[in-house]
Amino acid sequence: MNLFSKWKGRLLVAALVATAVSAHAEDQLAKVKKAGELVVGTEMQFAPFDFLENGQQQGFNKDFFAELSKDLGVKVRSIDLPWPSVLPGLEAGKFDIVSGPVTITKARMERYDFTLPIADGTVALLKRANDTSIKTNADVAGKAVGGGKGSAQLDQLKQYVATLPGKTSVREYIDNNQAYADLAAGRIVAVGNSLPNIAYVARQRPDTFAVVQPPFGTKVYFGYLGRKDADSKPLIDAIDQAIVKMHGDGRLAALQKKWFGVTMDTPTTMPTPNY
């Protein structure tokens, strides 16, 4: 009886150890492949990266993740949320990665694990096409401008207008479409956003909007991000490998040309953020 109990105890310990090792071995990439699905958090009010057309997702991100799904061998499911809810949703484990994309900054790199850049994210101003009073970025001084709440673009806009004379009002919007609507209606004189976004908006509505050149922002890049932990790192590494592959075979440049109108010189190693 004692011998049986001893062997029973050993078997139980062995089973527990095997379970622990198995659980430890199943990182986020393994979980994604086991489920056959990569769950992506995003805000579908960020054209040309993510937007809705007749209720269906369109944009650069849809095409990019369709290519990524081929490399990872899984399906992709996107969850649409207001931007202020996206990063908290990632931290709560509601999805595997955030598309956005997200501006790569020093502060965010301390908290999240970024993929390699997929686009230039330098910030510029969008104005009304018929507004002759705004010829340069500095012409917004003393007026009202707007940007997306909780975004790095809004942070750069605030920093920039703080250097201008007078008091420039900065309004925050839950999504960029609201900001563009207020701009078209004359409630603000400009919207600060990344150049790919506002260039796309201006191309879609050239009679309504125009881009103020050159961009005023610091040189920055867009990437996707995941949780900053050992469990998530293999997934980020796998996406990085796919991005490098897309660089090499021309797929990334083709997507940039399709959605931004130009190809972009994005690095294949992680750049040091400028801020």
Protein backbone atom coordinates (compact mmCIF):
# COMPACT_ATOMS: atom_id res chain seq x y z
CA MET A 1 0.00 0.00 0.00
CA ASN A 2 2.85 2.36 0.88
CA LEU A 3 4.65 1.46 -2.37
CA PHE A 4 1.48 2.20 -4.37
CA SER A 5 1.04 5.54 -2.61
CA LYS A 6 4.66 6.45 -3.29
CA TRP A 7 4.35 5.70 -7.02
CA LYS A 8 1.01 7.50 -7.15
CA GLY A 9 2.63 10.56 -5.61
CA ARG A 10 5.50 10.48 -8.08
CA LEU A 11 3.13 10.19 -11.01
CA LEU A 12 1.13 13.17 -9.72
CA VAL A 13 4.27 15.29 -9.39
CA ALA A 14 5.40 14.27 -12.88
CA ALA A 15 2.00 15.20 -14.31
CA LEU A 16 2.08 18.60 -12.62
CA VAL A 17 5.59 19.29 -13.89
CA ALA A 18 4.60 18.28 -17.43
CA THR A 19 1.56 20.54 -17.28
CA ALA A 20 3.65 23.47 -16.04
CA VAL A 21 6.27 22.94 -18.75
CA SER A 22 3.56 22.69 -21.42
CA ALA A 23 1.85 25.88 -20.21
CA HIS A 24 5.18 27.70 -20.09
CA ALA A 25 6.07 26.52 -23.60
CA GLU A 26 2.81 27.82 -25.07
CA ASP A 27 3.73 31.46 -25.70
CA GLN A 28 1.49 33.95 -27.51
CA LEU A 29 2.64 32.85 -30.96
CA ALA A 30 1.94 29.22 -30.08
CA LYS A 31 -1.50 30.19 -28.75
CA VAL A 32 -2.29 32.10 -31.94
CA LYS A 33 -1.27 29.17 -34.12
CA LYS A 34 -3.17 26.72 -31.93
CA ALA A 35 -6.32 28.86 -32.20
CA GLY A 36 -5.72 29.41 -35.92
CA GLU A 37 -6.52 33.09 -35.45
CA LEU A 38 -4.67 36.34 -34.78
CA VAL A 39 -6.92 38.83 -32.98
CA VAL A 40 -6.08 42.46 -33.77
CA GLY A 41 -7.29 45.57 -31.92
CA THR A 42 -7.72 48.73 -33.98
CA GLU A 43 -9.78 51.86 -34.59
CA MET A 44 -11.44 51.89 -38.00
CA GLN A 45 -11.53 55.68 -38.25
CA PHE A 46 -7.88 56.03 -39.30
CA ALA A 47 -7.85 56.05 -43.11
CA PRO A 48 -5.96 54.94 -45.10
CA PHE A 49 -4.79 52.38 -42.55
CA ASP A 50 -8.18 51.27 -41.25
CA PHE A 51 -11.62 52.50 -42.25
CA LEU A 52 -15.10 51.21 -42.99
CA GLU A 53 -16.69 51.24 -46.44
CA ASN A 54 -20.25 49.94 -46.66
CA GLY A 55 -19.71 48.42 -43.24
CA GLN A 56 -16.61 46.47 -44.30
CA GLN A 57 -13.01 46.99 -43.20
CA GLN A 58 -10.77 48.55 -45.84
CA GLY A 59 -7.27 49.98 -45.90
CA PHE A 60 -3.57 49.29 -45.60
CA ASN A 61 -3.95 47.23 -42.43
CA LYS A 62 -6.46 44.85 -43.98
CA ASP A 63 -4.12 44.20 -46.90
CA PHE A 64 -1.03 43.94 -44.69
CA PHE A 65 -2.58 41.44 -42.30
CA ALA A 66 -3.91 39.42 -45.23
CA GLU A 67 -0.28 39.01 -46.32
CA LEU A 68 0.84 38.33 -42.76
CA SER A 69 -1.79 35.62 -42.37
CA LYS A 70 -0.16 33.73 -45.26
CA ASP A 71 3.22 33.82 -43.51
CA LEU A 72 1.84 32.82 -40.10
CA GLY A 73 -0.68 30.33 -41.43
CA VAL A 74 -3.60 31.74 -39.43
CA LYS A 75 -6.73 33.81 -40.02
CA VAL A 76 -6.98 37.42 -38.84
CA ARG A 77 -9.91 38.92 -36.92
CA SER A 78 -9.99 42.67 -36.23
CA ILE A 79 -11.85 44.28 -33.32
CA ASP A 80 -12.95 47.91 -33.87
CA LEU A 81 -12.78 50.18 -30.79
CA PRO A 82 -12.47 53.92 -30.08
CA TRP A 83 -8.73 54.68 -29.96
CA PRO A 84 -8.63 55.57 -26.21
CA SER A 85 -9.86 51.99 -25.52
CA VAL A 86 -7.41 50.15 -27.77
CA LEU A 87 -4.20 50.10 -25.71
CA PRO A 88 -6.04 49.31 -22.44
CA GLY A 89 -7.75 46.47 -24.33
CA LEU A 90 -4.37 45.05 -25.32
CA GLU A 91 -3.16 45.18 -21.72
CA ALA A 92 -6.35 43.43 -20.60
CA GLY A 93 -5.65 40.59 -23.05
CA LYS A 94 -8.65 41.23 -25.31
CA PHE A 95 -6.50 40.82 -28.42
CA ASP A 96 -3.03 39.67 -29.46
CA ILE A 97 -1.71 42.83 -31.10
CA VAL A 98 -2.66 46.43 -31.94
CA SER A 99 -2.58 47.52 -35.56
CA GLY A 100 -3.56 51.22 -35.53
CA PRO A 101 -0.73 51.64 -36.48
CA VAL A 102 0.97 53.36 -33.54
CA THR A 103 3.71 56.00 -33.52
CA ILE A 104 6.95 54.53 -32.16
CA THR A 105 8.03 56.73 -29.24
CA LYS A 106 10.47 56.32 -26.35
CA ALA A 107 7.69 56.33 -23.76
CA ARG A 108 5.67 53.70 -25.59
CA MET A 109 8.71 51.47 -26.13
CA GLU A 110 9.15 51.33 -22.36
CA ARG A 111 5.64 49.93 -22.00
CA TYR A 112 5.01 47.98 -25.22
CA ASP A 113 6.90 45.82 -27.70
CA PHE A 114 6.82 47.29 -31.22
CA THR A 115 7.17 45.61 -34.57
CA LEU A 116 9.50 47.04 -37.18
CA PRO A 117 8.16 50.20 -38.88
CA ILE A 118 5.65 49.80 -41.69
CA ALA A 119 5.24 53.50 -42.63
CA ASP A 120 6.53 57.02 -42.05
CA GLY A 121 4.41 58.71 -39.37
CA THR A 122 5.72 62.30 -39.45
CA VAL A 123 3.02 64.80 -38.43
CA ALA A 124 1.68 67.55 -40.70
CA LEU A 125 -1.33 69.87 -40.88
CA LEU A 126 -4.49 69.48 -42.95
CA LYS A 127 -6.35 72.71 -43.77
CA ARG A 128 -9.36 73.73 -45.85
CA ALA A 129 -8.43 73.92 -49.52
CA ASN A 130 -9.88 77.43 -49.90
CA ASP A 131 -8.30 78.87 -46.73
CA THR A 132 -5.70 81.30 -48.07
CA SER A 133 -4.85 82.51 -44.55
CA ILE A 134 -2.96 79.27 -43.80
CA LYS A 135 0.10 79.18 -46.05
CA THR A 136 2.62 77.83 -43.52
CA ASN A 137 2.34 75.82 -40.32
CA ALA A 138 2.97 78.92 -38.20
CA ASP A 139 -0.14 80.60 -39.65
CA VAL A 140 -2.34 78.61 -37.23
CA ALA A 141 -1.02 80.76 -34.36
CA GLY A 142 -3.82 82.18 -32.23
CA LYS A 143 -6.49 80.05 -33.91
CA ALA A 144 -8.19 76.71 -33.16
CA VAL A 145 -6.74 73.40 -34.34
CA GLY A 146 -7.59 69.78 -33.57
CA GLY A 147 -6.26 66.23 -33.30
CA GLY A 148 -7.09 62.72 -32.16
CA LYS A 149 -7.47 62.26 -28.41
CA GLY A 150 -4.76 60.10 -26.83
CA SER A 151 -2.60 60.11 -29.97
CA ALA A 152 1.10 60.85 -30.37
CA GLN A 153 0.10 63.19 -33.20
CA LEU A 154 -1.93 65.29 -30.77
CA ASP A 155 1.07 65.43 -28.41
CA GLN A 156 3.29 66.76 -31.20
CA LEU A 157 0.62 69.25 -32.25
CA LYS A 158 0.40 70.60 -28.69
CA GLN A 159 4.18 70.87 -28.45
CA TYR A 160 4.36 72.71 -31.76
CA VAL A 161 1.62 75.29 -31.13
CA ALA A 162 3.15 76.02 -27.71
CA THR A 163 6.11 77.52 -29.60
CA LEU A 164 3.87 79.92 -31.56
CA PRO A 165 2.92 83.45 -30.50
CA GLY A 166 -0.48 84.02 -28.90
CA LYS A 167 -2.81 81.33 -27.58
CA THR A 168 -3.64 78.56 -30.03
CA SER A 169 -6.58 76.41 -28.94
CA VAL A 170 -6.16 72.64 -29.39
CA ARG A 171 -9.36 70.59 -29.50
CA GLU A 172 -9.32 66.84 -28.89
CA TYR A 173 -11.52 64.44 -30.87
CA ILE A 174 -12.49 60.84 -30.15
CA ASP A 175 -11.86 59.98 -33.81
CA ASN A 176 -10.25 61.79 -36.71
CA ASN A 177 -13.39 61.89 -38.83
CA GLN A 178 -14.96 64.22 -36.25
CA ALA A 179 -11.92 66.48 -36.52
CA TYR A 180 -12.11 66.51 -40.32
CA ALA A 181 -15.84 67.34 -40.13
CA ASP A 182 -15.15 70.32 -37.85
CA LEU A 183 -12.37 71.45 -40.17
CA ALA A 184 -14.66 71.31 -43.20
CA ALA A 185 -17.32 73.25 -41.26
CA GLY A 186 -14.84 75.97 -40.28
CA ARG A 187 -14.91 75.29 -36.54
CA ILE A 188 -11.14 74.75 -36.57
CA VAL A 189 -8.50 75.88 -39.08
CA ALA A 190 -6.35 72.73 -39.20
CA VAL A 191 -6.03 69.12 -38.07
CA GLY A 192 -2.70 67.67 -36.98
CA ASN A 193 -2.18 64.07 -38.09
CA SER A 194 0.43 61.85 -39.69
CA LEU A 195 1.25 62.67 -43.29
CA PRO A 196 -0.03 59.35 -44.75
CA ASN A 197 -3.43 59.94 -43.15
CA ILE A 198 -3.99 63.54 -44.19
CA ALA A 199 -2.48 63.05 -47.65
CA TYR A 200 -5.06 60.30 -48.21
CA VAL A 201 -7.90 62.54 -46.97
CA ALA A 202 -6.75 65.39 -49.23
CA ARG A 203 -6.60 63.04 -52.26
CA GLN A 204 -10.12 61.81 -51.54
CA ARG A 205 -11.55 65.34 -51.15
CA PRO A 206 -9.24 67.76 -53.00
CA ASP A 207 -11.91 70.46 -53.25
CA THR A 208 -12.30 70.46 -49.46
CA PHE A 209 -8.87 69.78 -47.97
CA ALA A 210 -5.18 70.47 -48.61
CA VAL A 211 -1.94 69.49 -46.86
CA VAL A 212 0.29 72.22 -45.43
CA GLN A 213 3.86 71.50 -46.52
CA PRO A 214 6.39 70.70 -45.21
CA PRO A 215 5.38 68.56 -42.18
CA PHE A 216 6.08 70.29 -38.86
CA GLY A 217 6.63 67.15 -36.79
CA THR A 218 9.71 65.24 -35.72
CA LYS A 219 10.65 62.32 -37.98
CA VAL A 220 8.79 59.30 -36.61
CA TYR A 221 7.61 55.90 -37.79
CA PHE A 222 4.47 53.80 -37.49
CA GLY A 223 4.53 50.22 -36.23
CA TYR A 224 2.23 47.65 -34.68
CA LEU A 225 2.60 46.72 -31.03
CA GLY A 226 2.04 43.97 -28.50
CA ARG A 227 2.45 43.42 -24.80
CA LYS A 228 5.99 43.83 -23.49
CA ASP A 229 6.58 40.41 -21.94
CA ALA A 230 8.40 37.17 -22.72
CA ASP A 231 5.11 35.51 -23.67
CA SER A 232 4.41 38.02 -26.47
CA LYS A 233 7.96 38.39 -27.83
CA PRO A 234 7.86 35.34 -30.18
CA LEU A 235 4.74 36.78 -31.87
CA ILE A 236 6.40 40.18 -32.40
CA ASP A 237 9.54 38.44 -33.69
CA ALA A 238 7.46 36.43 -36.17
CA ILE A 239 5.75 39.60 -37.44
CA ASP A 240 9.16 41.30 -37.76
CA GLN A 241 10.41 38.39 -39.86
CA ALA A 242 7.35 38.77 -42.10
CA ILE A 243 7.94 42.53 -42.45
CA VAL A 244 11.56 41.97 -43.49
CA LYS A 245 10.35 39.37 -46.00
CA MET A 246 7.77 41.85 -47.37
CA HIS A 247 10.53 44.43 -47.75
CA GLY A 248 12.60 41.98 -49.74
CA ASP A 249 9.89 40.72 -52.08
CA GLY A 250 8.31 44.14 -52.71
CA ARG A 251 4.95 43.48 -51.06
CA LEU A 252 5.37 46.24 -48.44
CA ALA A 253 6.34 48.84 -51.06
CA ALA A 254 3.35 47.80 -53.19
CA LEU A 255 0.96 48.30 -50.26
CA GLN A 256 2.50 51.70 -49.46
CA LYS A 257 2.13 52.80 -53.08
CA LYS A 258 -1.47 51.57 -53.21
CA TRP A 259 -2.63 53.33 -50.04
CA PHE A 260 -0.27 56.31 -49.59
CA GLY A 261 0.48 57.14 -53.22
CA VAL A 262 4.24 56.80 -52.54
CA THR A 263 6.70 54.22 -51.27
CA MET A 264 8.43 54.96 -47.98
CA ASP A 265 12.00 54.41 -46.81
CA THR A 266 11.21 52.46 -43.64
CA PRO A 267 14.12 50.75 -41.83
CA THR A 268 14.47 46.98 -41.42
CA THR A 269 16.00 47.39 -37.97
CA MET A 270 14.30 49.15 -35.07
CA PRO A 271 15.15 52.88 -35.15
CA THR A 272 15.84 54.90 -32.02
CA PRO A 273 12.79 57.18 -31.52
CA ASN A 274 13.41 60.92 -31.76
CA TYR A 275 11.14 61.62 -28.79
